[in-house]
Amino acid sequence: MRLESVKPALSLEPGEYLIGGEFMLLYLVNDGGTARDVRIDVSYENTKESHFVPSISKDEKCIVIQNASDLHKRGSQVNVCASYKDAYGKKHSESLSIDFGKLKKEGRANTLRIKLL
């Protein structure tokens, strides 16, 4: 039970909304224990980016994509893979994705707050 209480819980969250509901940024958010030595690999369309964040504490976020509104409009798929350590040094990894094209086909194109799919 103690190990679960320190485990990070990552999700993707859009932010910095414009008038009309479009968002500009896509964040990696932590709702659990502190994630340390966070390695983040982001891929979308023909782009691959790698980031390193020393730590993401509970309720903190870091930007993974700065111009996400274009990806939303084009119906792109975004994949984020994060590997990190918890407070005890145990390694974890998560794969998160948002398929904007699928959301549009399902009639969810105007979704303002998107979490882990």
N, C-alpha and C. Protein backbone atom coordinates (compact mmCIF):
# COMPACT_ATOMS: atom_id res chain seq x y z
N MET A 1 0.82 -1.18 0.00
CA MET A 1 0.00 0.00 0.00
C MET A 1 0.88 1.27 0.00
N ARG A 2 1.99 1.20 0.71
CA ARG A 2 2.89 2.34 0.77
C ARG A 2 3.48 2.63 -0.60
N LEU A 3 3.82 1.58 -1.37
CA LEU A 3 4.37 1.77 -2.71
C LEU A 3 3.37 2.46 -3.63
N GLU A 4 2.10 2.09 -3.53
CA GLU A 4 1.07 2.73 -4.37
C GLU A 4 0.89 4.20 -4.01
N SER A 5 1.08 4.56 -2.75
CA SER A 5 0.86 5.94 -2.34
C SER A 5 1.91 6.89 -2.89
N VAL A 6 3.09 6.40 -3.26
CA VAL A 6 4.13 7.26 -3.82
C VAL A 6 4.23 7.16 -5.34
N LYS A 7 3.43 6.29 -5.94
CA LYS A 7 3.49 6.11 -7.39
C LYS A 7 2.92 7.33 -8.11
N PRO A 8 3.66 7.88 -9.06
CA PRO A 8 3.13 8.98 -9.87
C PRO A 8 1.95 8.52 -10.72
N ALA A 9 1.09 9.45 -11.08
CA ALA A 9 -0.06 9.18 -11.95
C ALA A 9 -0.08 10.25 -13.03
N LEU A 10 0.41 9.91 -14.21
CA LEU A 10 0.55 10.89 -15.29
C LEU A 10 -0.65 10.87 -16.23
N SER A 11 -0.95 12.04 -16.76
CA SER A 11 -2.01 12.17 -17.76
C SER A 11 -1.66 13.34 -18.69
N LEU A 12 -2.37 13.41 -19.80
CA LEU A 12 -2.21 14.53 -20.73
C LEU A 12 -3.36 15.50 -20.54
N GLU A 13 -3.03 16.79 -20.59
CA GLU A 13 -4.07 17.80 -20.37
C GLU A 13 -3.81 19.01 -21.26
N PRO A 14 -4.80 19.42 -22.04
CA PRO A 14 -4.64 20.64 -22.84
C PRO A 14 -4.72 21.87 -21.93
N GLY A 15 -4.15 22.97 -22.40
CA GLY A 15 -4.18 24.20 -21.61
C GLY A 15 -3.98 25.43 -22.47
N GLU A 16 -4.06 26.59 -21.84
CA GLU A 16 -3.94 27.89 -22.49
C GLU A 16 -4.98 28.02 -23.60
N TYR A 17 -6.22 28.13 -23.20
CA TYR A 17 -7.34 28.17 -24.14
C TYR A 17 -7.49 29.54 -24.79
N LEU A 18 -7.90 29.51 -26.05
CA LEU A 18 -8.22 30.73 -26.79
C LEU A 18 -9.74 30.89 -26.82
N ILE A 19 -10.20 32.05 -27.19
CA ILE A 19 -11.63 32.26 -27.35
C ILE A 19 -12.12 31.29 -28.42
N GLY A 20 -13.20 30.59 -28.15
CA GLY A 20 -13.72 29.59 -29.06
C GLY A 20 -13.39 28.17 -28.64
N GLY A 21 -12.59 28.03 -27.58
CA GLY A 21 -12.32 26.72 -27.03
C GLY A 21 -11.07 26.03 -27.50
N GLU A 22 -10.33 26.62 -28.44
CA GLU A 22 -9.10 25.97 -28.89
C GLU A 22 -8.03 26.08 -27.81
N PHE A 23 -7.22 25.03 -27.67
CA PHE A 23 -6.12 25.08 -26.71
C PHE A 23 -4.80 25.11 -27.46
N MET A 24 -3.82 25.72 -26.85
CA MET A 24 -2.52 25.90 -27.49
C MET A 24 -1.47 24.90 -26.99
N LEU A 25 -1.53 24.54 -25.73
CA LEU A 25 -0.48 23.72 -25.13
C LEU A 25 -1.01 22.35 -24.72
N LEU A 26 -0.15 21.37 -24.76
CA LEU A 26 -0.48 20.05 -24.24
C LEU A 26 0.52 19.75 -23.14
N TYR A 27 -0.01 19.49 -21.94
CA TYR A 27 0.81 19.27 -20.76
C TYR A 27 0.86 17.80 -20.38
N LEU A 28 1.94 17.39 -19.74
CA LEU A 28 2.02 16.14 -19.02
C LEU A 28 1.84 16.52 -17.55
N VAL A 29 0.80 15.96 -16.93
CA VAL A 29 0.41 16.34 -15.57
C VAL A 29 0.59 15.15 -14.64
N ASN A 30 1.03 15.43 -13.42
CA ASN A 30 1.18 14.39 -12.42
C ASN A 30 0.17 14.60 -11.30
N ASP A 31 -0.69 13.62 -11.09
CA ASP A 31 -1.69 13.67 -10.02
C ASP A 31 -1.35 12.73 -8.87
N GLY A 32 -0.15 12.15 -8.89
CA GLY A 32 0.24 11.20 -7.85
C GLY A 32 1.50 11.65 -7.15
N GLY A 33 2.29 10.68 -6.68
CA GLY A 33 3.56 10.99 -6.01
C GLY A 33 4.56 11.58 -6.98
N THR A 34 5.64 12.11 -6.46
CA THR A 34 6.66 12.77 -7.28
C THR A 34 7.33 11.78 -8.25
N ALA A 35 7.42 12.20 -9.50
CA ALA A 35 8.14 11.44 -10.53
C ALA A 35 9.52 12.07 -10.68
N ARG A 36 10.56 11.25 -10.63
CA ARG A 36 11.94 11.75 -10.70
C ARG A 36 12.62 11.24 -11.98
N ASP A 37 13.60 12.02 -12.44
CA ASP A 37 14.36 11.64 -13.64
C ASP A 37 13.43 11.25 -14.78
N VAL A 38 12.55 12.17 -15.14
CA VAL A 38 11.50 11.89 -16.12
C VAL A 38 12.04 12.08 -17.53
N ARG A 39 11.99 11.00 -18.30
CA ARG A 39 12.38 11.04 -19.71
C ARG A 39 11.10 10.94 -20.53
N ILE A 40 10.89 11.93 -21.39
CA ILE A 40 9.65 12.04 -22.13
C ILE A 40 9.96 12.00 -23.63
N ASP A 41 9.32 11.08 -24.34
CA ASP A 41 9.43 10.99 -25.79
C ASP A 41 8.07 11.29 -26.38
N VAL A 42 8.02 12.29 -27.25
CA VAL A 42 6.77 12.74 -27.86
C VAL A 42 6.86 12.53 -29.37
N SER A 43 5.82 11.93 -29.96
CA SER A 43 5.80 11.79 -31.41
C SER A 43 4.41 12.15 -31.94
N TYR A 44 4.42 12.85 -33.05
CA TYR A 44 3.19 13.23 -33.76
C TYR A 44 3.58 13.58 -35.18
N GLU A 45 2.70 13.21 -36.12
CA GLU A 45 2.96 13.41 -37.53
C GLU A 45 4.37 12.93 -37.85
N ASN A 46 5.23 13.76 -38.40
CA ASN A 46 6.60 13.35 -38.72
C ASN A 46 7.61 13.93 -37.73
N THR A 47 7.15 14.19 -36.52
CA THR A 47 7.99 14.85 -35.53
C THR A 47 8.23 13.93 -34.33
N LYS A 48 9.46 13.90 -33.87
CA LYS A 48 9.81 13.19 -32.64
C LYS A 48 10.64 14.12 -31.79
N GLU A 49 10.26 14.24 -30.52
CA GLU A 49 10.98 15.10 -29.59
C GLU A 49 11.28 14.31 -28.33
N SER A 50 12.42 14.61 -27.71
CA SER A 50 12.79 13.98 -26.45
C SER A 50 13.06 15.08 -25.43
N HIS A 51 12.53 14.89 -24.22
CA HIS A 51 12.68 15.87 -23.15
C HIS A 51 13.16 15.16 -21.89
N PHE A 52 13.78 15.92 -21.00
CA PHE A 52 14.14 15.43 -19.68
C PHE A 52 13.69 16.45 -18.66
N VAL A 53 13.02 15.98 -17.61
CA VAL A 53 12.58 16.85 -16.51
C VAL A 53 13.09 16.20 -15.23
N PRO A 54 13.83 16.93 -14.40
CA PRO A 54 14.37 16.33 -13.18
C PRO A 54 13.30 15.75 -12.26
N SER A 55 12.16 16.45 -12.14
CA SER A 55 11.07 15.90 -11.32
C SER A 55 9.76 16.62 -11.66
N ILE A 56 8.66 15.89 -11.45
CA ILE A 56 7.32 16.47 -11.57
C ILE A 56 6.58 16.06 -10.30
N SER A 57 6.33 17.02 -9.44
CA SER A 57 5.63 16.74 -8.17
C SER A 57 4.13 16.63 -8.38
N LYS A 58 3.43 16.25 -7.35
CA LYS A 58 1.97 16.16 -7.40
C LYS A 58 1.40 17.52 -7.79
N ASP A 59 0.45 17.49 -8.71
CA ASP A 59 -0.25 18.68 -9.22
C ASP A 59 0.64 19.61 -10.04
N GLU A 60 1.82 19.16 -10.44
CA GLU A 60 2.66 19.94 -11.34
C GLU A 60 2.46 19.44 -12.76
N LYS A 61 2.84 20.28 -13.72
CA LYS A 61 2.73 19.91 -15.12
C LYS A 61 3.92 20.45 -15.88
N CYS A 62 4.20 19.83 -17.02
CA CYS A 62 5.24 20.33 -17.91
C CYS A 62 4.69 20.29 -19.34
N ILE A 63 5.12 21.23 -20.14
CA ILE A 63 4.66 21.33 -21.53
C ILE A 63 5.34 20.25 -22.37
N VAL A 64 4.54 19.49 -23.13
CA VAL A 64 5.12 18.52 -24.06
C VAL A 64 4.94 18.95 -25.51
N ILE A 65 3.90 19.75 -25.80
CA ILE A 65 3.70 20.30 -27.15
C ILE A 65 3.22 21.73 -27.00
N GLN A 66 3.87 22.66 -27.74
CA GLN A 66 3.52 24.06 -27.60
C GLN A 66 2.44 24.54 -28.57
N ASN A 67 2.26 23.91 -29.71
CA ASN A 67 1.25 24.36 -30.66
C ASN A 67 0.30 23.21 -30.96
N ALA A 68 -0.43 22.79 -29.95
CA ALA A 68 -1.29 21.62 -30.08
C ALA A 68 -2.57 21.89 -30.86
N SER A 69 -2.98 23.13 -31.00
CA SER A 69 -4.24 23.41 -31.70
C SER A 69 -4.18 22.97 -33.16
N ASP A 70 -3.02 23.09 -33.81
CA ASP A 70 -2.88 22.63 -35.19
C ASP A 70 -3.06 21.12 -35.29
N LEU A 71 -2.53 20.39 -34.32
CA LEU A 71 -2.67 18.93 -34.31
C LEU A 71 -4.13 18.54 -34.12
N HIS A 72 -4.82 19.26 -33.28
CA HIS A 72 -6.25 19.01 -33.04
C HIS A 72 -7.05 19.26 -34.32
N LYS A 73 -6.76 20.36 -35.00
CA LYS A 73 -7.48 20.71 -36.23
C LYS A 73 -7.24 19.68 -37.34
N ARG A 74 -6.01 19.18 -37.45
CA ARG A 74 -5.68 18.23 -38.51
C ARG A 74 -6.08 16.80 -38.18
N GLY A 75 -6.48 16.55 -36.95
CA GLY A 75 -6.86 15.19 -36.56
C GLY A 75 -5.67 14.27 -36.38
N SER A 76 -4.57 14.82 -35.93
CA SER A 76 -3.35 14.04 -35.74
C SER A 76 -3.43 13.16 -34.49
N GLN A 77 -2.56 12.17 -34.46
CA GLN A 77 -2.41 11.35 -33.26
C GLN A 77 -1.13 11.77 -32.55
N VAL A 78 -1.22 11.93 -31.23
CA VAL A 78 -0.08 12.31 -30.41
C VAL A 78 0.22 11.14 -29.48
N ASN A 79 1.48 10.74 -29.43
CA ASN A 79 1.92 9.67 -28.53
C ASN A 79 2.99 10.22 -27.60
N VAL A 80 2.83 9.95 -26.31
CA VAL A 80 3.78 10.40 -25.31
C VAL A 80 4.18 9.18 -24.48
N CYS A 81 5.46 8.91 -24.43
CA CYS A 81 5.99 7.83 -23.59
C CYS A 81 6.86 8.47 -22.52
N ALA A 82 6.59 8.14 -21.27
CA ALA A 82 7.35 8.70 -20.15
C ALA A 82 7.91 7.57 -19.31
N SER A 83 9.18 7.66 -18.99
CA SER A 83 9.79 6.72 -18.05
C SER A 83 10.35 7.55 -16.91
N TYR A 84 10.23 7.03 -15.69
CA TYR A 84 10.58 7.81 -14.50
C TYR A 84 10.77 6.89 -13.31
N LYS A 85 11.25 7.46 -12.20
CA LYS A 85 11.40 6.74 -10.94
C LYS A 85 10.46 7.34 -9.91
N ASP A 86 9.97 6.50 -9.00
CA ASP A 86 9.15 7.02 -7.91
C ASP A 86 10.06 7.40 -6.73
N ALA A 87 9.48 7.74 -5.59
CA ALA A 87 10.25 8.19 -4.42
C ALA A 87 11.20 7.13 -3.89
N TYR A 88 10.92 5.86 -4.14
CA TYR A 88 11.78 4.77 -3.69
C TYR A 88 12.80 4.35 -4.74
N GLY A 89 12.80 5.02 -5.90
CA GLY A 89 13.74 4.70 -6.95
C GLY A 89 13.28 3.60 -7.89
N LYS A 90 12.06 3.11 -7.71
CA LYS A 90 11.52 2.08 -8.59
C LYS A 90 11.18 2.70 -9.94
N LYS A 91 11.57 2.01 -11.02
CA LYS A 91 11.34 2.53 -12.37
C LYS A 91 9.92 2.21 -12.84
N HIS A 92 9.34 3.17 -13.54
CA HIS A 92 8.01 3.02 -14.13
C HIS A 92 8.05 3.60 -15.54
N SER A 93 7.09 3.20 -16.36
CA SER A 93 6.93 3.82 -17.67
C SER A 93 5.44 3.81 -18.03
N GLU A 94 5.06 4.82 -18.77
CA GLU A 94 3.67 4.94 -19.22
C GLU A 94 3.66 5.42 -20.66
N SER A 95 2.66 4.94 -21.40
CA SER A 95 2.43 5.41 -22.76
C SER A 95 1.04 6.04 -22.79
N LEU A 96 1.00 7.28 -23.21
CA LEU A 96 -0.25 8.03 -23.29
C LEU A 96 -0.46 8.46 -24.73
N SER A 97 -1.70 8.54 -25.17
CA SER A 97 -1.95 9.00 -26.54
C SER A 97 -3.29 9.68 -26.64
N ILE A 98 -3.36 10.55 -27.62
CA ILE A 98 -4.62 11.20 -27.99
C ILE A 98 -4.72 11.11 -29.51
N ASP A 99 -5.80 10.52 -29.99
CA ASP A 99 -6.05 10.43 -31.42
C ASP A 99 -7.15 11.44 -31.75
N PHE A 100 -6.75 12.64 -32.16
CA PHE A 100 -7.71 13.70 -32.44
C PHE A 100 -8.64 13.35 -33.59
N GLY A 101 -8.14 12.59 -34.58
CA GLY A 101 -8.98 12.16 -35.70
C GLY A 101 -10.11 11.26 -35.23
N LYS A 102 -9.80 10.33 -34.35
CA LYS A 102 -10.82 9.43 -33.80
C LYS A 102 -11.85 10.21 -32.99
N LEU A 103 -11.38 11.17 -32.21
CA LEU A 103 -12.30 11.99 -31.42
C LEU A 103 -13.27 12.76 -32.33
N LYS A 104 -12.75 13.28 -33.46
CA LYS A 104 -13.62 14.00 -34.39
C LYS A 104 -14.66 13.06 -35.00
N LYS A 105 -14.24 11.85 -35.39
CA LYS A 105 -15.18 10.88 -35.95
C LYS A 105 -16.28 10.50 -34.96
N GLU A 106 -15.94 10.49 -33.70
CA GLU A 106 -16.92 10.15 -32.65
C GLU A 106 -17.78 11.35 -32.25
N GLY A 107 -17.55 12.50 -32.90
CA GLY A 107 -18.32 13.70 -32.57
C GLY A 107 -17.84 14.38 -31.30
N ARG A 108 -16.60 14.15 -30.95
CA ARG A 108 -16.03 14.75 -29.74
C ARG A 108 -15.00 15.82 -30.09
N ALA A 109 -15.17 16.44 -31.23
CA ALA A 109 -14.19 17.40 -31.72
C ALA A 109 -14.07 18.62 -30.82
N ASN A 110 -15.10 18.96 -30.08
CA ASN A 110 -15.06 20.16 -29.26
C ASN A 110 -14.74 19.86 -27.80
N THR A 111 -14.19 18.68 -27.54
CA THR A 111 -13.82 18.32 -26.18
C THR A 111 -12.73 19.27 -25.71
N LEU A 112 -12.96 19.95 -24.59
CA LEU A 112 -12.00 20.91 -24.09
C LEU A 112 -10.99 20.31 -23.14
N ARG A 113 -11.37 19.28 -22.42
CA ARG A 113 -10.47 18.70 -21.43
C ARG A 113 -10.31 17.22 -21.75
N ILE A 114 -9.12 16.84 -22.20
CA ILE A 114 -8.88 15.48 -22.64
C ILE A 114 -7.89 14.83 -21.69
N LYS A 115 -8.23 13.69 -21.15
CA LYS A 115 -7.34 12.93 -20.27
C LYS A 115 -6.83 11.70 -21.01
N LEU A 116 -6.14 10.87 -20.30
CA LEU A 116 -5.60 9.64 -20.84
C LEU A 116 -6.67 8.83 -21.53
N LEU A 117 -6.40 8.40 -22.77
CA LEU A 117 -7.36 7.61 -23.52
C LEU A 117 -7.10 6.15 -23.32
